[in-house]
Amino acid sequence: MIQRIRSVQPMPDYCLRVDFDDGRRVLYDVKEDMNLPGYSLLQQVPGLFQQVQLDSSRTCVYWDDEIDLPSDAIYEYGHEAKA
């Protein structure tokens, strides 16, 4: 089952706070993905990281046409966040 994201919020130090429909809340460290193609732009372009968006299906967050993260990866690799 694909986990649907309720909300995403950029946090300091290239982390995302993500709330899922099932009530789970995680912190996902995007720094771990900076070696992937295109992701270095999140550090190089001022303010880009803060422009994270949720796609209409709520199964992916993205910054542009090349930089995105699927909800299942965030769900699996994110660390439980405090409420």
N, C-alpha and C. Protein backbone atom coordinates (compact mmCIF):
# COMPACT_ATOMS: atom_id res chain seq x y z
N MET A 1 0.83 -1.18 0.00
CA MET A 1 0.00 0.00 0.00
C MET A 1 0.88 1.25 0.00
N ILE A 2 0.60 2.17 -0.86
CA ILE A 2 1.35 3.41 -0.94
C ILE A 2 0.85 4.35 0.15
N GLN A 3 1.78 4.85 0.92
CA GLN A 3 1.43 5.78 2.00
C GLN A 3 1.18 7.18 1.42
N ARG A 4 0.10 7.79 1.82
CA ARG A 4 -0.22 9.15 1.36
C ARG A 4 0.20 10.17 2.41
N ILE A 5 0.78 11.24 1.91
CA ILE A 5 1.28 12.30 2.76
C ILE A 5 0.17 13.32 3.02
N ARG A 6 0.01 13.69 4.26
CA ARG A 6 -0.96 14.72 4.64
C ARG A 6 -0.32 16.11 4.52
N SER A 7 0.93 16.24 4.99
CA SER A 7 1.61 17.54 4.91
C SER A 7 3.12 17.34 4.93
N VAL A 8 3.82 18.34 4.39
CA VAL A 8 5.28 18.34 4.40
C VAL A 8 5.74 19.74 4.77
N GLN A 9 6.77 19.80 5.61
CA GLN A 9 7.29 21.08 6.06
C GLN A 9 8.81 21.02 6.05
N PRO A 10 9.47 21.98 5.36
CA PRO A 10 10.93 22.02 5.40
C PRO A 10 11.40 22.46 6.78
N MET A 11 12.44 21.82 7.26
CA MET A 11 13.02 22.12 8.56
C MET A 11 14.49 22.52 8.37
N PRO A 12 15.13 23.03 9.43
CA PRO A 12 16.55 23.37 9.32
C PRO A 12 17.41 22.15 8.96
N ASP A 13 18.57 22.44 8.39
CA ASP A 13 19.59 21.43 8.10
C ASP A 13 19.11 20.37 7.10
N TYR A 14 18.29 20.78 6.13
CA TYR A 14 17.84 19.92 5.03
C TYR A 14 17.06 18.68 5.50
N CYS A 15 16.21 18.90 6.48
CA CYS A 15 15.29 17.84 6.92
C CYS A 15 13.87 18.23 6.55
N LEU A 16 13.04 17.22 6.34
CA LEU A 16 11.62 17.42 6.09
C LEU A 16 10.82 16.81 7.23
N ARG A 17 9.81 17.51 7.67
CA ARG A 17 8.85 16.97 8.63
C ARG A 17 7.63 16.57 7.81
N VAL A 18 7.30 15.29 7.84
CA VAL A 18 6.24 14.75 6.99
C VAL A 18 5.19 14.04 7.83
N ASP A 19 3.94 14.43 7.65
CA ASP A 19 2.81 13.79 8.30
C ASP A 19 2.08 12.93 7.28
N PHE A 20 1.79 11.69 7.67
CA PHE A 20 1.10 10.76 6.80
C PHE A 20 -0.35 10.60 7.24
N ASP A 21 -1.18 10.13 6.33
CA ASP A 21 -2.60 9.94 6.60
C ASP A 21 -2.86 8.97 7.76
N ASP A 22 -1.96 8.01 7.97
CA ASP A 22 -2.17 7.03 9.04
C ASP A 22 -1.77 7.57 10.41
N GLY A 23 -1.35 8.85 10.46
CA GLY A 23 -0.98 9.46 11.74
C GLY A 23 0.50 9.45 12.03
N ARG A 24 1.27 8.72 11.24
CA ARG A 24 2.71 8.69 11.46
C ARG A 24 3.32 10.02 11.07
N ARG A 25 4.28 10.49 11.87
CA ARG A 25 5.01 11.74 11.60
C ARG A 25 6.50 11.40 11.64
N VAL A 26 7.21 11.78 10.58
CA VAL A 26 8.64 11.47 10.51
C VAL A 26 9.45 12.71 10.15
N LEU A 27 10.73 12.63 10.50
CA LEU A 27 11.72 13.57 10.02
C LEU A 27 12.57 12.81 9.01
N TYR A 28 12.70 13.38 7.82
CA TYR A 28 13.47 12.74 6.77
C TYR A 28 14.67 13.63 6.45
N ASP A 29 15.87 13.07 6.55
CA ASP A 29 17.10 13.82 6.33
C ASP A 29 17.47 13.77 4.84
N VAL A 30 17.23 14.85 4.14
CA VAL A 30 17.50 14.91 2.70
C VAL A 30 19.00 14.96 2.42
N LYS A 31 19.81 15.33 3.40
CA LYS A 31 21.27 15.36 3.20
C LYS A 31 21.78 14.00 2.75
N GLU A 32 21.13 12.94 3.18
CA GLU A 32 21.56 11.58 2.81
C GLU A 32 21.36 11.31 1.32
N ASP A 33 20.57 12.14 0.64
CA ASP A 33 20.30 11.96 -0.79
C ASP A 33 21.09 12.94 -1.66
N MET A 34 21.92 13.78 -1.06
CA MET A 34 22.59 14.84 -1.82
C MET A 34 23.54 14.31 -2.89
N ASN A 35 23.92 13.04 -2.83
CA ASN A 35 24.77 12.47 -3.86
C ASN A 35 23.98 12.01 -5.09
N LEU A 36 22.65 12.05 -5.01
CA LEU A 36 21.82 11.67 -6.16
C LEU A 36 21.81 12.79 -7.20
N PRO A 37 21.62 12.44 -8.47
CA PRO A 37 21.62 13.47 -9.53
C PRO A 37 20.62 14.58 -9.26
N GLY A 38 21.10 15.80 -9.32
CA GLY A 38 20.25 16.97 -9.18
C GLY A 38 20.05 17.47 -7.76
N TYR A 39 20.20 16.60 -6.78
CA TYR A 39 19.92 16.98 -5.40
C TYR A 39 20.85 18.05 -4.86
N SER A 40 22.06 18.15 -5.39
CA SER A 40 23.00 19.17 -4.90
C SER A 40 22.45 20.58 -5.12
N LEU A 41 21.53 20.74 -6.06
CA LEU A 41 20.91 22.05 -6.28
C LEU A 41 20.17 22.54 -5.03
N LEU A 42 19.70 21.61 -4.21
CA LEU A 42 18.98 22.00 -2.99
C LEU A 42 19.90 22.78 -2.04
N GLN A 43 21.21 22.51 -2.12
CA GLN A 43 22.18 23.25 -1.32
C GLN A 43 22.73 24.45 -2.08
N GLN A 44 22.81 24.36 -3.38
CA GLN A 44 23.44 25.40 -4.18
C GLN A 44 22.52 26.58 -4.48
N VAL A 45 21.23 26.34 -4.63
CA VAL A 45 20.28 27.41 -4.99
C VAL A 45 19.62 27.92 -3.71
N PRO A 46 19.92 29.15 -3.31
CA PRO A 46 19.34 29.70 -2.08
C PRO A 46 17.81 29.64 -2.09
N GLY A 47 17.24 29.10 -1.02
CA GLY A 47 15.80 29.06 -0.85
C GLY A 47 15.08 27.92 -1.54
N LEU A 48 15.76 27.16 -2.39
CA LEU A 48 15.08 26.09 -3.13
C LEU A 48 14.54 25.02 -2.19
N PHE A 49 15.31 24.62 -1.20
CA PHE A 49 14.86 23.56 -0.30
C PHE A 49 13.53 23.92 0.37
N GLN A 50 13.37 25.17 0.74
CA GLN A 50 12.15 25.62 1.42
C GLN A 50 10.93 25.63 0.49
N GLN A 51 11.13 25.44 -0.80
CA GLN A 51 10.04 25.45 -1.77
C GLN A 51 9.46 24.06 -2.02
N VAL A 52 9.72 23.12 -1.13
CA VAL A 52 9.20 21.76 -1.29
C VAL A 52 7.68 21.80 -1.43
N GLN A 53 7.15 20.92 -2.30
CA GLN A 53 5.72 20.84 -2.56
C GLN A 53 5.27 19.39 -2.52
N LEU A 54 3.99 19.21 -2.30
CA LEU A 54 3.36 17.90 -2.30
C LEU A 54 2.61 17.74 -3.62
N ASP A 55 2.83 16.62 -4.32
CA ASP A 55 2.12 16.43 -5.59
C ASP A 55 0.65 16.13 -5.34
N SER A 56 -0.15 16.23 -6.38
CA SER A 56 -1.61 16.10 -6.24
C SER A 56 -2.05 14.71 -5.78
N SER A 57 -1.27 13.68 -6.05
CA SER A 57 -1.62 12.33 -5.60
C SER A 57 -1.26 12.11 -4.13
N ARG A 58 -0.47 13.03 -3.56
CA ARG A 58 0.02 12.97 -2.19
C ARG A 58 0.91 11.76 -1.95
N THR A 59 1.61 11.29 -3.00
CA THR A 59 2.53 10.17 -2.87
C THR A 59 3.96 10.56 -3.19
N CYS A 60 4.21 11.86 -3.28
CA CYS A 60 5.54 12.33 -3.64
C CYS A 60 5.69 13.79 -3.22
N VAL A 61 6.90 14.15 -2.76
CA VAL A 61 7.22 15.56 -2.57
C VAL A 61 8.25 15.92 -3.63
N TYR A 62 8.25 17.19 -4.04
CA TYR A 62 9.16 17.57 -5.11
C TYR A 62 9.57 19.03 -4.98
N TRP A 63 10.65 19.35 -5.67
CA TRP A 63 11.15 20.72 -5.73
C TRP A 63 11.10 21.26 -7.15
N ASP A 64 11.37 20.40 -8.12
CA ASP A 64 11.29 20.77 -9.53
C ASP A 64 11.07 19.49 -10.33
N ASP A 65 11.22 19.57 -11.65
CA ASP A 65 10.96 18.41 -12.51
C ASP A 65 11.95 17.27 -12.32
N GLU A 66 13.09 17.55 -11.68
CA GLU A 66 14.12 16.53 -11.54
C GLU A 66 14.36 16.07 -10.11
N ILE A 67 13.92 16.84 -9.13
CA ILE A 67 14.19 16.51 -7.73
C ILE A 67 12.88 16.18 -7.03
N ASP A 68 12.74 14.90 -6.66
CA ASP A 68 11.54 14.47 -5.93
C ASP A 68 11.85 13.29 -5.03
N LEU A 69 10.96 13.03 -4.11
CA LEU A 69 11.08 11.90 -3.19
C LEU A 69 9.73 11.20 -3.09
N PRO A 70 9.69 9.89 -3.29
CA PRO A 70 8.43 9.17 -3.15
C PRO A 70 8.06 8.98 -1.68
N SER A 71 6.77 8.94 -1.42
CA SER A 71 6.28 8.81 -0.04
C SER A 71 6.74 7.52 0.61
N ASP A 72 6.85 6.42 -0.14
CA ASP A 72 7.25 5.16 0.48
C ASP A 72 8.68 5.21 1.01
N ALA A 73 9.58 5.92 0.32
CA ALA A 73 10.96 6.06 0.80
C ALA A 73 10.99 6.92 2.07
N ILE A 74 10.21 8.00 2.07
CA ILE A 74 10.16 8.87 3.25
C ILE A 74 9.60 8.09 4.43
N TYR A 75 8.56 7.32 4.20
CA TYR A 75 7.90 6.53 5.25
C TYR A 75 8.87 5.50 5.83
N GLU A 76 9.57 4.81 4.94
CA GLU A 76 10.47 3.73 5.38
C GLU A 76 11.73 4.25 6.05
N TYR A 77 12.33 5.31 5.51
CA TYR A 77 13.63 5.76 5.99
C TYR A 77 13.58 6.97 6.92
N GLY A 78 12.41 7.56 7.07
CA GLY A 78 12.27 8.68 8.00
C GLY A 78 12.32 8.19 9.43
N HIS A 79 12.69 9.09 10.33
CA HIS A 79 12.79 8.77 11.76
C HIS A 79 11.59 9.38 12.47
N GLU A 80 11.02 8.62 13.37
CA GLU A 80 9.85 9.08 14.10
C GLU A 80 10.09 10.47 14.69
N ALA A 81 9.13 11.34 14.48
CA ALA A 81 9.21 12.72 14.99
C ALA A 81 8.27 12.87 16.16
N LYS A 82 8.63 13.77 17.06
CA LYS A 82 7.74 14.08 18.18
C LYS A 82 6.59 14.93 17.67
N ALA A 83 5.47 14.82 18.31
CA ALA A 83 4.28 15.55 17.90
C ALA A 83 4.44 17.04 17.90
